[in-house]
Amino acid sequence: MAGGAFVAPSTGGSYEGRVTTFVIITCLVAAMGGLIFGYDIGISGGVTSMDSFLKKFFPSVYQKEKEDHHESMYCKFDSHLLQLFTSSLYLSALVASFFSSTVTRLFGRKISMLSGGLVFLVGAILNGAATNVAMLIIGRLLLGVGIGFANQSVPIYLSEMAPAKIRGALNIGFQMAITIGILAANLINYGTSKIKEGYGWRISLAVAAVPAIMMIVGSFFLPDTPNSILERGHPEKAMKMLQKIRGTNNVEAEFQDLVAANDNAKKVEHPWKNILQPRYRPQLVICILIPFFQQLTGINVINFYAPILFKTLGFGDDASLMSAVITGIVNVVCTAVSIYSADRFGRRILFLEGGIQMIICQILVAVMVAINFGTNGVGNMSGGTANFVLFLICGYVAAFAWSWGPMGWLVPSEICPLEIRSAGQAINVSVNMFFTFLIGQFFLTMLCHLKFGLFLFFAAFCVVMTIFIYLFLPETKNVPIEEMNTVWKAHWFWGKYIPDNAVIGGQNLREVTA
């Protein structure tokens, strides 16, 4: 149990308290909600590269892959139905995120997590037992509902429980759980692909029940956040919980800030309408553009379709799955780098460095693919060249893992005041899910038509998003979430949207009209 007070920078006040073992454990348990998201991201690409799975559900794709040796390598897996298997989940997650916003606000963050885990469990059972494409898609839709609830509630829970000093590190626990889920899925796919009887894909899909059960069990033991308890009308209970998670009875200053924020939030009858007011313009723009840009980095090309992508680039069956495992390991290790760095060096520097590194790696991958496959998609890579491409993709994954991956979830969850927090997070999740759906549904078709230019397409977006971060995202490191308006008010562009009465004496005492 670490001691000492955590003190905000000059933009905010200081609160007494310790970084308690209790709050760290609760945040680690909550972050397990990321396992269900990560496992599902990682499992689909490996399953759709298994011959037994393709023969049973997508025989036309299997036939094209195995028998048509004159087909362009870029187009062998181009099938909208195959892509729908991957992408349908994210469409239902998009819709679910709006319903989960209401559940999160009215019943608390832990109830939302529990609901997500239960629905995800049903989806995993359906997928593992699937006998036709309809069962697969229905199962995927249920998995999406679970993910919509988890992605809505977990980042908010973590931001509200964590003290400002280590909010970044604890919140990134969610992204770490996602990367662990992806790696676990890659390892399981590699193992189940060796099952000669051809039922390995069933095991891969059914094992999604394990992280779902972990999330369900964990949510029973989690306490609700002081913010949520206060929001539902129990101030004494909220005070006791705040004292427990801060490890001190002297929490009056922080509690009064929570009460002020809660009182202002109660004046808001329509948070969805309220977030459109000019005073919330910075939060609205960030909650839309950060998840939009996060998906247009192209990371889910790797996460969803890594084995298929590596197969397309000339790797063999085993080599493609093993390469996906390697990128999964890089993902986990480099996410740990962001846990160390986010609260020491700040969010902006990680966004900027990661963006530049991704641009360089994507351009070089495009060049290597162009040299070896040209525009007609016919050719092959030598072992050395393939290893160099794998190295570049690992460099790209590493950059995302310590920048746009964790920061893309952390920043939107910490910048919204209480009165629009659930709406802001719902927007963040829904935009993320919508563009995840588009990438999942159309990547293989885009690869077929854009060929190596697809990597340049994503590199161009990385240029735009890096410039956006440089110009429009202020540093939020160590700022208490109830005092975030001080950061926006000091910004060269966003300051004009923040009324003077929204920042008084260094504290965020918003005067909100419904």
Protein backbone atom coordinates (compact mmCIF):
# COMPACT_ATOMS: atom_id res chain seq x y z
CA MET A 1 0.00 0.00 0.00
CA ALA A 2 1.66 3.19 -1.14
CA GLY A 3 1.52 6.28 1.00
CA GLY A 4 1.61 10.00 0.40
CA ALA A 5 -0.87 12.53 -0.90
CA PHE A 6 -1.71 12.81 -4.56
CA VAL A 7 -1.68 16.41 -5.69
CA ALA A 8 -3.00 17.81 -8.92
CA PRO A 9 -1.06 20.35 -10.93
CA SER A 10 -1.75 24.04 -10.75
CA THR A 11 -4.90 23.65 -12.79
CA GLY A 12 -6.61 21.79 -10.00
CA GLY A 13 -6.74 21.42 -6.23
CA SER A 14 -5.24 18.74 -3.99
CA TYR A 15 -6.99 15.89 -2.24
CA GLU A 16 -5.71 13.89 0.68
CA GLY A 17 -5.45 10.16 0.48
CA ARG A 18 -3.29 7.19 -0.31
CA VAL A 19 -3.13 4.88 -3.29
CA THR A 20 -4.78 2.02 -1.42
CA THR A 21 -4.54 -1.69 -2.07
CA PHE A 22 -8.34 -1.78 -2.08
CA VAL A 23 -8.71 0.62 -5.00
CA ILE A 24 -5.96 -1.10 -7.01
CA ILE A 25 -7.59 -4.53 -6.57
CA THR A 26 -11.06 -3.27 -7.47
CA CYS A 27 -9.70 -1.56 -10.59
CA LEU A 28 -7.84 -4.70 -11.65
CA VAL A 29 -11.02 -6.78 -11.25
CA ALA A 30 -13.06 -4.23 -13.21
CA ALA A 31 -10.44 -4.09 -15.97
CA MET A 32 -11.10 -7.78 -16.63
CA GLY A 33 -14.08 -6.50 -18.59
CA GLY A 34 -11.53 -5.80 -21.30
CA LEU A 35 -10.78 -9.53 -21.59
CA ILE A 36 -14.08 -10.26 -23.32
CA PHE A 37 -13.46 -7.50 -25.85
CA GLY A 38 -9.87 -8.54 -26.51
CA TYR A 39 -10.61 -12.25 -26.75
CA ASP A 40 -13.28 -11.66 -29.32
CA ILE A 41 -11.12 -9.29 -31.36
CA GLY A 42 -8.37 -11.89 -31.52
CA ILE A 43 -10.40 -15.04 -32.02
CA SER A 44 -12.26 -14.20 -35.22
CA GLY A 45 -9.22 -13.82 -37.50
CA GLY A 46 -7.71 -17.14 -36.46
CA VAL A 47 -11.00 -19.02 -36.76
CA THR A 48 -11.71 -17.63 -40.23
CA SER A 49 -8.29 -18.83 -41.41
CA MET A 50 -9.00 -22.44 -40.32
CA ASP A 51 -9.84 -24.75 -43.22
CA SER A 52 -12.37 -26.77 -41.20
CA PHE A 53 -14.30 -23.61 -40.31
CA LEU A 54 -14.27 -22.30 -43.88
CA LYS A 55 -15.36 -25.66 -45.34
CA LYS A 56 -18.35 -25.85 -42.98
CA PHE A 57 -19.64 -22.28 -43.14
CA PHE A 58 -17.97 -20.55 -46.09
CA PRO A 59 -17.19 -23.25 -48.69
CA SER A 60 -16.92 -20.78 -51.59
CA VAL A 61 -14.09 -18.93 -49.80
CA TYR A 62 -12.34 -22.22 -49.04
CA GLN A 63 -12.59 -23.30 -52.66
CA LYS A 64 -11.24 -19.97 -53.93
CA GLU A 65 -8.32 -20.08 -51.48
CA LYS A 66 -7.31 -23.68 -52.24
CA GLU A 67 -8.14 -24.24 -55.88
CA ASP A 68 -7.83 -20.95 -57.77
CA HIS A 69 -4.07 -20.49 -57.99
CA HIS A 70 -4.39 -17.68 -60.53
CA GLU A 71 -6.48 -15.45 -58.25
CA SER A 72 -4.80 -12.30 -56.93
CA MET A 73 -3.43 -12.85 -53.42
CA TYR A 74 -5.18 -9.63 -52.45
CA CYS A 75 -8.65 -11.06 -53.22
CA LYS A 76 -8.62 -14.68 -52.03
CA PHE A 77 -10.64 -13.96 -48.86
CA ASP A 78 -12.94 -11.27 -50.27
CA SER A 79 -16.38 -12.38 -49.03
CA HIS A 80 -19.01 -10.07 -47.50
CA LEU A 81 -20.61 -12.99 -45.64
CA LEU A 82 -17.26 -13.98 -44.12
CA GLN A 83 -16.66 -10.36 -43.13
CA LEU A 84 -20.16 -10.16 -41.62
CA PHE A 85 -19.17 -12.96 -39.22
CA THR A 86 -16.52 -10.63 -37.82
CA SER A 87 -18.28 -7.28 -38.12
CA SER A 88 -21.84 -8.09 -36.97
CA LEU A 89 -20.69 -8.06 -33.36
CA TYR A 90 -19.68 -4.41 -33.54
CA LEU A 91 -22.97 -3.31 -35.04
CA SER A 92 -24.88 -4.73 -32.06
CA ALA A 93 -22.27 -3.25 -29.68
CA LEU A 94 -22.98 0.16 -31.20
CA VAL A 95 -26.72 -0.14 -30.50
CA ALA A 96 -26.16 -1.64 -27.04
CA SER A 97 -23.88 1.22 -25.98
CA PHE A 98 -26.83 3.63 -26.03
CA PHE A 99 -28.99 1.37 -23.84
CA SER A 100 -26.07 0.67 -21.52
CA SER A 101 -25.62 4.43 -21.03
CA THR A 102 -29.02 4.55 -19.31
CA VAL A 103 -28.33 1.42 -17.26
CA THR A 104 -24.94 2.78 -16.18
CA ARG A 105 -26.46 6.06 -15.05
CA LEU A 106 -29.61 4.75 -13.31
CA PHE A 107 -28.43 1.47 -11.79
CA GLY A 108 -24.67 1.90 -11.46
CA ARG A 109 -21.52 0.84 -13.25
CA LYS A 110 -21.27 -2.66 -11.75
CA ILE A 111 -24.82 -3.63 -12.81
CA SER A 112 -23.92 -2.62 -16.35
CA MET A 113 -20.80 -4.81 -16.20
CA LEU A 114 -22.80 -7.76 -14.85
CA SER A 115 -25.42 -7.41 -17.59
CA GLY A 116 -22.73 -7.33 -20.26
CA GLY A 117 -21.04 -10.44 -18.92
CA LEU A 118 -24.28 -12.45 -18.84
CA VAL A 119 -25.29 -11.61 -22.41
CA PHE A 120 -21.75 -12.27 -23.66
CA LEU A 121 -21.82 -15.71 -21.99
CA VAL A 122 -24.97 -16.69 -23.90
CA GLY A 123 -23.37 -15.52 -27.17
CA ALA A 124 -20.25 -17.59 -26.52
CA ILE A 125 -22.31 -20.74 -25.91
CA LEU A 126 -24.27 -20.19 -29.14
CA ASN A 127 -21.09 -19.68 -31.18
CA GLY A 128 -19.43 -22.79 -29.80
CA ALA A 129 -22.51 -24.88 -30.61
CA ALA A 130 -23.20 -23.30 -34.04
CA THR A 131 -24.39 -25.57 -36.83
CA ASN A 132 -25.11 -22.91 -39.45
CA VAL A 133 -24.21 -19.32 -40.33
CA ALA A 134 -27.42 -17.97 -38.73
CA MET A 135 -26.39 -19.34 -35.32
CA LEU A 136 -22.94 -17.86 -35.78
CA ILE A 137 -24.32 -14.41 -36.55
CA ILE A 138 -26.90 -14.46 -33.72
CA GLY A 139 -24.17 -15.50 -31.30
CA ARG A 140 -21.94 -12.70 -32.57
CA LEU A 141 -24.76 -10.18 -32.12
CA LEU A 142 -25.16 -11.25 -28.46
CA LEU A 143 -21.41 -11.00 -27.94
CA GLY A 144 -21.67 -7.46 -29.28
CA VAL A 145 -24.35 -6.53 -26.74
CA GLY A 146 -22.06 -7.75 -23.95
CA ILE A 147 -19.13 -5.77 -25.31
CA GLY A 148 -21.28 -2.63 -25.68
CA PHE A 149 -22.19 -2.79 -21.98
CA ALA A 150 -18.63 -3.56 -20.85
CA ASN A 151 -16.96 -0.85 -22.93
CA GLN A 152 -19.49 1.69 -21.70
CA SER A 153 -19.16 0.96 -17.99
CA VAL A 154 -15.59 -0.25 -17.34
CA PRO A 155 -13.60 2.85 -18.44
CA ILE A 156 -15.99 5.13 -16.48
CA TYR A 157 -15.68 2.89 -13.42
CA LEU A 158 -11.89 2.97 -13.57
CA SER A 159 -11.69 6.76 -14.03
CA GLU A 160 -14.05 7.37 -11.11
CA MET A 161 -12.35 4.97 -8.69
CA ALA A 162 -8.76 5.94 -9.40
CA PRO A 163 -6.99 8.88 -7.74
CA ALA A 164 -5.83 11.48 -10.26
CA LYS A 165 -2.16 10.62 -9.73
CA ILE A 166 -2.50 7.09 -11.10
CA ARG A 167 -5.75 7.37 -13.06
CA GLY A 168 -3.92 6.80 -16.33
CA ALA A 169 -2.17 3.64 -15.16
CA LEU A 170 -5.29 2.09 -13.64
CA ASN A 171 -7.51 3.02 -16.57
CA ILE A 172 -5.00 1.51 -19.00
CA GLY A 173 -5.61 -1.74 -17.13
CA PHE A 174 -8.68 -2.01 -19.37
CA GLN A 175 -6.53 -1.80 -22.51
CA MET A 176 -4.02 -4.23 -20.98
CA ALA A 177 -6.85 -6.71 -20.44
CA ILE A 178 -7.88 -6.23 -24.09
CA THR A 179 -4.36 -7.03 -25.30
CA ILE A 180 -4.12 -10.07 -22.99
CA GLY A 181 -7.44 -11.26 -24.39
CA ILE A 182 -6.12 -10.86 -27.95
CA LEU A 183 -2.93 -12.77 -27.11
CA ALA A 184 -4.87 -15.54 -25.38
CA ALA A 185 -7.10 -15.85 -28.44
CA ASN A 186 -4.07 -16.07 -30.76
CA LEU A 187 -2.47 -18.78 -28.62
CA ILE A 188 -5.71 -20.77 -28.41
CA ASN A 189 -6.21 -20.49 -32.17
CA TYR A 190 -2.69 -21.76 -32.75
CA GLY A 191 -3.36 -24.74 -30.50
CA THR A 192 -6.84 -25.61 -31.76
CA SER A 193 -5.75 -25.37 -35.40
CA LYS A 194 -3.67 -28.52 -34.75
CA ILE A 195 -6.76 -30.61 -33.91
CA LYS A 196 -7.00 -32.94 -36.90
CA GLU A 197 -10.64 -33.87 -36.32
CA GLY A 198 -11.60 -30.34 -37.40
CA TYR A 199 -13.52 -29.13 -34.35
CA GLY A 200 -10.81 -26.77 -33.09
CA TRP A 201 -12.81 -23.71 -34.14
CA ARG A 202 -15.60 -24.74 -31.74
CA ILE A 203 -13.18 -24.72 -28.82
CA SER A 204 -11.80 -21.32 -29.87
CA LEU A 205 -15.28 -19.77 -29.99
CA ALA A 206 -16.62 -21.48 -26.86
CA VAL A 207 -13.65 -20.49 -24.67
CA ALA A 208 -14.99 -16.91 -24.89
CA ALA A 209 -17.24 -18.07 -22.03
CA VAL A 210 -14.24 -18.07 -19.67
CA PRO A 211 -13.57 -14.30 -19.62
CA ALA A 212 -17.37 -13.76 -19.52
CA ILE A 213 -17.63 -15.85 -16.35
CA MET A 214 -14.65 -14.00 -14.84
CA MET A 215 -16.41 -10.70 -15.50
CA ILE A 216 -19.72 -11.93 -14.06
CA VAL A 217 -18.11 -13.26 -10.87
CA GLY A 218 -15.91 -10.18 -10.49
CA SER A 219 -18.83 -7.78 -10.83
CA PHE A 220 -20.58 -9.41 -7.84
CA PHE A 221 -17.70 -8.42 -5.57
CA LEU A 222 -17.00 -4.95 -6.95
CA PRO A 223 -18.15 -1.92 -4.95
CA ASP A 224 -19.87 0.88 -6.83
CA THR A 225 -18.03 4.16 -7.32
CA PRO A 226 -18.68 7.11 -4.97
CA ASN A 227 -19.85 9.11 -8.00
CA SER A 228 -22.42 6.48 -8.92
CA ILE A 229 -23.64 6.01 -5.32
CA LEU A 230 -24.05 9.77 -4.96
CA GLU A 231 -25.75 10.00 -8.33
CA ARG A 232 -28.39 7.54 -7.08
CA GLY A 233 -29.09 9.53 -3.90
CA HIS A 234 -26.98 7.97 -1.09
CA PRO A 235 -24.54 10.66 0.13
CA GLU A 236 -23.57 8.95 3.42
CA LYS A 237 -22.81 5.70 1.64
CA ALA A 238 -20.84 7.61 -1.01
CA MET A 239 -18.77 9.36 1.68
CA LYS A 240 -17.91 6.04 3.33
CA MET A 241 -16.90 4.51 0.01
CA LEU A 242 -14.72 7.51 -0.82
CA GLN A 243 -13.00 7.23 2.57
CA LYS A 244 -12.42 3.52 1.97
CA ILE A 245 -10.89 3.86 -1.49
CA ARG A 246 -8.73 6.85 -0.48
CA GLY A 247 -7.55 5.26 2.79
CA THR A 248 -8.34 8.33 4.94
CA ASN A 249 -11.32 9.93 6.69
CA ASN A 250 -10.26 13.38 5.52
CA VAL A 251 -11.92 13.39 2.08
CA GLU A 252 -14.14 16.42 2.59
CA ALA A 253 -12.60 18.50 -0.22
CA GLU A 254 -12.96 15.76 -2.83
CA PHE A 255 -16.42 14.81 -1.57
CA GLN A 256 -17.68 18.39 -1.84
CA ASP A 257 -16.45 18.52 -5.43
CA LEU A 258 -18.38 15.31 -6.13
CA VAL A 259 -21.50 16.75 -4.45
CA ALA A 260 -21.24 19.96 -6.48
CA ALA A 261 -20.85 17.99 -9.69
CA ASN A 262 -23.75 15.72 -8.77
CA ASP A 263 -26.03 18.67 -7.90
CA ASN A 264 -25.28 20.24 -11.27
CA ALA A 265 -25.81 16.91 -13.01
CA LYS A 266 -29.30 16.62 -11.48
CA LYS A 267 -30.28 19.86 -13.21
CA VAL A 268 -29.70 18.16 -16.52
CA GLU A 269 -32.88 16.42 -17.64
CA HIS A 270 -31.57 15.48 -21.07
CA PRO A 271 -27.82 14.67 -21.07
CA TRP A 272 -27.93 13.82 -24.78
CA LYS A 273 -29.34 17.26 -25.54
CA ASN A 274 -27.05 18.92 -23.03
CA ILE A 275 -23.84 17.57 -24.52
CA LEU A 276 -24.66 19.51 -27.69
CA GLN A 277 -24.37 22.83 -25.84
CA PRO A 278 -21.34 24.98 -26.80
CA ARG A 279 -19.86 24.65 -23.29
CA TYR A 280 -19.37 20.92 -23.89
CA ARG A 281 -18.01 21.31 -27.42
CA PRO A 282 -14.45 20.15 -26.49
CA GLN A 283 -15.73 16.95 -24.87
CA LEU A 284 -18.15 16.22 -27.73
CA VAL A 285 -15.49 16.67 -30.42
CA ILE A 286 -12.90 14.57 -28.55
CA CYS A 287 -15.42 11.79 -27.79
CA ILE A 288 -16.23 11.59 -31.52
CA LEU A 289 -12.84 12.07 -33.15
CA ILE A 290 -10.61 10.03 -30.80
CA PRO A 291 -12.49 6.72 -31.41
CA PHE A 292 -12.89 7.60 -35.10
CA PHE A 293 -9.15 8.13 -35.50
CA GLN A 294 -8.36 5.09 -33.33
CA GLN A 295 -10.07 2.80 -35.81
CA LEU A 296 -8.63 4.58 -38.85
CA THR A 297 -5.12 3.75 -37.62
CA GLY A 298 -5.93 0.38 -39.20
CA ILE A 299 -5.13 -1.58 -36.04
CA ASN A 300 -8.11 -3.89 -36.38
CA VAL A 301 -6.76 -5.01 -39.74
CA ILE A 302 -4.11 -6.71 -37.59
CA ASN A 303 -6.38 -7.64 -34.69
CA PHE A 304 -9.20 -9.15 -36.78
CA TYR A 305 -7.41 -10.53 -39.78
CA ALA A 306 -3.77 -11.05 -38.76
CA PRO A 307 -3.65 -14.75 -39.80
CA ILE A 308 -5.49 -13.99 -43.06
CA LEU A 309 -3.25 -10.97 -43.72
CA PHE A 310 -0.10 -12.99 -43.12
CA LYS A 311 -1.45 -15.75 -45.35
CA THR A 312 -2.10 -13.16 -48.05
CA LEU A 313 1.49 -11.96 -47.70
CA GLY A 314 2.77 -15.48 -48.36
CA PHE A 315 3.16 -16.92 -44.86
CA GLY A 316 2.10 -20.57 -44.51
CA ASP A 317 -0.80 -21.71 -42.32
CA ASP A 318 1.28 -22.32 -39.18
CA ALA A 319 3.50 -19.33 -39.84
CA SER A 320 0.51 -17.00 -40.20
CA LEU A 321 -0.96 -18.09 -36.87
CA MET A 322 2.42 -17.93 -35.14
CA SER A 323 3.01 -14.44 -36.56
CA ALA A 324 -0.32 -13.39 -35.04
CA VAL A 325 0.92 -14.74 -31.69
CA ILE A 326 4.12 -12.69 -32.03
CA THR A 327 2.21 -9.47 -32.72
CA GLY A 328 -0.05 -10.33 -29.75
CA ILE A 329 2.96 -10.58 -27.44
CA VAL A 330 4.28 -7.24 -28.71
CA ASN A 331 0.84 -5.75 -28.06
CA VAL A 332 0.80 -6.86 -24.41
CA VAL A 333 4.38 -5.82 -23.64
CA CYS A 334 4.04 -2.36 -25.19
CA THR A 335 0.71 -1.69 -23.48
CA ALA A 336 2.64 -2.17 -20.24
CA VAL A 337 4.92 0.64 -21.43
CA SER A 338 1.92 2.98 -21.52
CA ILE A 339 0.95 2.01 -17.96
CA TYR A 340 4.38 3.23 -16.86
CA SER A 341 4.42 6.29 -19.11
CA ALA A 342 0.91 7.79 -19.17
CA ASP A 343 1.07 9.40 -15.72
CA ARG A 344 4.77 10.27 -15.97
CA PHE A 345 5.11 11.77 -19.44
CA GLY A 346 1.49 12.54 -20.26
CA ARG A 347 -1.08 11.59 -22.87
CA ARG A 348 -0.01 13.96 -25.65
CA ILE A 349 3.57 12.75 -26.06
CA LEU A 350 2.40 9.12 -26.34
CA PHE A 351 -0.22 10.05 -28.94
CA LEU A 352 2.32 12.02 -30.99
CA GLU A 353 5.21 9.54 -30.88
CA GLY A 354 2.91 6.61 -31.58
CA GLY A 355 1.35 8.38 -34.55
CA ILE A 356 4.69 9.14 -36.17
CA GLN A 357 5.96 5.57 -35.66
CA MET A 358 2.78 4.09 -37.18
CA ILE A 359 3.10 6.35 -40.24
CA ILE A 360 6.67 5.18 -40.90
CA CYS A 361 5.87 1.47 -40.43
CA GLN A 362 2.78 1.53 -42.66
CA ILE A 363 4.57 3.30 -45.51
CA LEU A 364 7.42 0.77 -45.39
CA VAL A 365 4.98 -2.18 -45.33
CA ALA A 366 3.22 -0.72 -48.40
CA VAL A 367 6.56 -0.42 -50.20
CA MET A 368 7.58 -4.01 -49.37
CA VAL A 369 4.20 -5.43 -50.46
CA ALA A 370 4.29 -3.37 -53.67
CA ILE A 371 7.79 -4.63 -54.53
CA ASN A 372 6.88 -8.28 -53.95
CA PHE A 373 3.28 -8.49 -55.19
CA GLY A 374 2.81 -5.42 -57.38
CA THR A 375 -0.72 -4.53 -58.42
CA ASN A 376 -1.72 -7.94 -59.76
CA GLY A 377 -1.18 -9.75 -56.44
CA VAL A 378 0.98 -12.46 -57.92
CA GLY A 379 4.35 -13.16 -56.35
CA ASN A 380 5.95 -14.34 -53.13
CA MET A 381 8.23 -13.21 -50.35
CA SER A 382 11.54 -14.72 -49.36
CA GLY A 383 11.99 -15.71 -45.75
CA GLY A 384 14.12 -12.67 -44.99
CA THR A 385 11.66 -10.28 -46.61
CA ALA A 386 8.71 -11.84 -44.78
CA ASN A 387 10.55 -11.50 -41.47
CA PHE A 388 11.26 -7.84 -42.21
CA VAL A 389 7.56 -7.22 -42.96
CA LEU A 390 6.69 -8.98 -39.69
CA PHE A 391 9.19 -6.71 -37.91
CA LEU A 392 7.54 -3.61 -39.42
CA ILE A 393 4.07 -4.81 -38.43
CA CYS A 394 5.34 -5.44 -34.89
CA GLY A 395 6.74 -1.89 -34.83
CA TYR A 396 3.33 -0.61 -35.90
CA VAL A 397 1.53 -2.69 -33.25
CA ALA A 398 3.98 -1.50 -30.59
CA ALA A 399 3.32 2.14 -31.45
CA PHE A 400 -0.45 1.66 -31.26
CA ALA A 401 -0.15 -0.33 -28.01
CA TRP A 402 1.51 2.49 -26.09
CA SER A 403 -0.41 5.34 -27.71
CA TRP A 404 -3.73 5.23 -29.55
CA GLY A 405 -4.80 1.93 -27.98
CA PRO A 406 -4.85 2.85 -24.28
CA MET A 407 -5.04 6.63 -24.72
CA GLY A 408 -8.03 6.21 -27.03
CA TRP A 409 -10.01 4.76 -24.13
CA LEU A 410 -8.43 6.75 -21.31
CA VAL A 411 -8.85 10.32 -22.57
CA PRO A 412 -12.58 10.25 -23.47
CA SER A 413 -13.41 8.55 -20.16
CA GLU A 414 -11.63 11.19 -18.05
CA ILE A 415 -12.58 14.48 -19.75
CA CYS A 416 -16.38 14.57 -19.34
CA PRO A 417 -18.07 16.18 -16.31
CA LEU A 418 -20.55 14.01 -14.42
CA GLU A 419 -23.65 15.53 -16.01
CA ILE A 420 -22.63 14.32 -19.50
CA ARG A 421 -20.27 11.48 -18.56
CA SER A 422 -22.53 8.57 -19.47
CA ALA A 423 -23.60 10.27 -22.72
CA GLY A 424 -19.98 11.11 -23.62
CA GLN A 425 -18.82 7.55 -23.02
CA ALA A 426 -21.75 6.17 -25.00
CA ILE A 427 -20.74 8.39 -27.92
CA ASN A 428 -17.13 7.22 -27.55
CA VAL A 429 -18.13 3.55 -27.58
CA SER A 430 -20.71 3.87 -30.36
CA VAL A 431 -18.35 5.77 -32.70
CA ASN A 432 -15.64 3.21 -31.95
CA MET A 433 -17.99 0.31 -32.63
CA PHE A 434 -19.40 1.87 -35.83
CA PHE A 435 -16.01 2.30 -37.43
CA THR A 436 -14.84 -1.06 -36.06
CA PHE A 437 -17.85 -2.54 -37.87
CA LEU A 438 -16.88 -0.77 -41.11
CA ILE A 439 -13.28 -1.98 -40.90
CA GLY A 440 -14.40 -5.53 -40.09
CA GLN A 441 -16.96 -5.58 -42.86
CA PHE A 442 -14.99 -4.02 -45.68
CA PHE A 443 -11.26 -4.58 -45.01
CA LEU A 444 -10.91 -7.70 -47.16
CA THR A 445 -12.80 -5.98 -49.97
CA MET A 446 -10.64 -2.86 -49.60
CA LEU A 447 -7.53 -5.05 -49.69
CA CYS A 448 -8.78 -6.61 -52.92
CA HIS A 449 -9.31 -3.22 -54.58
CA LEU A 450 -6.67 -0.94 -52.99
CA LYS A 451 -4.00 -3.65 -52.78
CA PHE A 452 -0.79 -2.36 -51.15
CA GLY A 453 -2.33 1.14 -51.27
CA LEU A 454 -4.51 0.14 -48.31
CA PHE A 455 -1.53 0.61 -45.99
CA LEU A 456 -0.97 4.08 -47.45
CA PHE A 457 -4.67 4.81 -46.87
CA PHE A 458 -4.28 4.16 -43.14
CA ALA A 459 -0.93 5.99 -43.03
CA ALA A 460 -2.64 9.12 -44.41
CA PHE A 461 -5.17 9.05 -41.59
CA CYS A 462 -2.34 8.66 -39.07
CA VAL A 463 -0.86 11.91 -40.42
CA VAL A 464 -4.18 13.72 -39.96
CA MET A 465 -4.80 12.41 -36.43
CA THR A 466 -1.27 13.24 -35.27
CA ILE A 467 -1.73 16.84 -36.41
CA PHE A 468 -5.13 16.94 -34.65
CA ILE A 469 -3.61 15.80 -31.34
CA TYR A 470 -0.81 18.35 -31.62
CA LEU A 471 -3.24 21.23 -32.15
CA PHE A 472 -6.36 20.34 -30.20
CA LEU A 473 -5.71 17.97 -27.30
CA PRO A 474 -4.48 19.58 -24.06
CA GLU A 475 -2.57 17.56 -21.48
CA THR A 476 -4.89 15.94 -18.90
CA LYS A 477 -2.23 14.15 -16.85
CA ASN A 478 -2.82 14.32 -13.06
CA VAL A 479 -5.87 16.61 -13.35
CA PRO A 480 -8.82 15.51 -11.13
CA ILE A 481 -11.74 14.66 -13.40
CA GLU A 482 -14.07 17.07 -11.58
CA GLU A 483 -11.64 19.94 -12.33
CA MET A 484 -11.05 19.23 -16.02
CA ASN A 485 -12.68 22.50 -17.14
CA THR A 486 -9.57 24.36 -16.03
CA VAL A 487 -7.62 22.54 -18.76
CA TRP A 488 -10.13 23.41 -21.49
CA LYS A 489 -10.36 27.04 -20.36
CA ALA A 490 -6.59 27.44 -20.69
CA HIS A 491 -6.48 25.97 -24.21
CA TRP A 492 -5.88 28.34 -27.14
CA PHE A 493 -8.89 27.05 -29.12
CA TRP A 494 -11.30 25.41 -26.67
CA GLY A 495 -11.07 28.21 -24.08
CA LYS A 496 -13.67 30.33 -25.91
CA TYR A 497 -16.31 27.63 -25.38
CA ILE A 498 -15.87 27.44 -21.59
CA PRO A 499 -17.82 30.11 -19.65
CA ASP A 500 -15.92 32.03 -17.00
CA ASN A 501 -18.31 30.80 -14.30
CA ALA A 502 -17.43 27.20 -15.14
CA VAL A 503 -14.00 27.60 -13.51
CA ILE A 504 -14.01 29.30 -10.12
CA GLY A 505 -11.05 29.32 -7.75
CA GLY A 506 -9.38 26.45 -9.61
CA GLN A 507 -12.41 24.19 -9.10
CA ASN A 508 -14.98 23.03 -11.58
CA LEU A 509 -18.21 24.54 -10.20
CA ARG A 510 -20.37 24.31 -13.28
CA GLU A 511 -23.64 26.16 -13.51
CA VAL A 512 -25.66 23.92 -15.79
CA THR A 513 -29.01 24.60 -17.41
CA ALA A 514 -31.19 21.80 -18.65
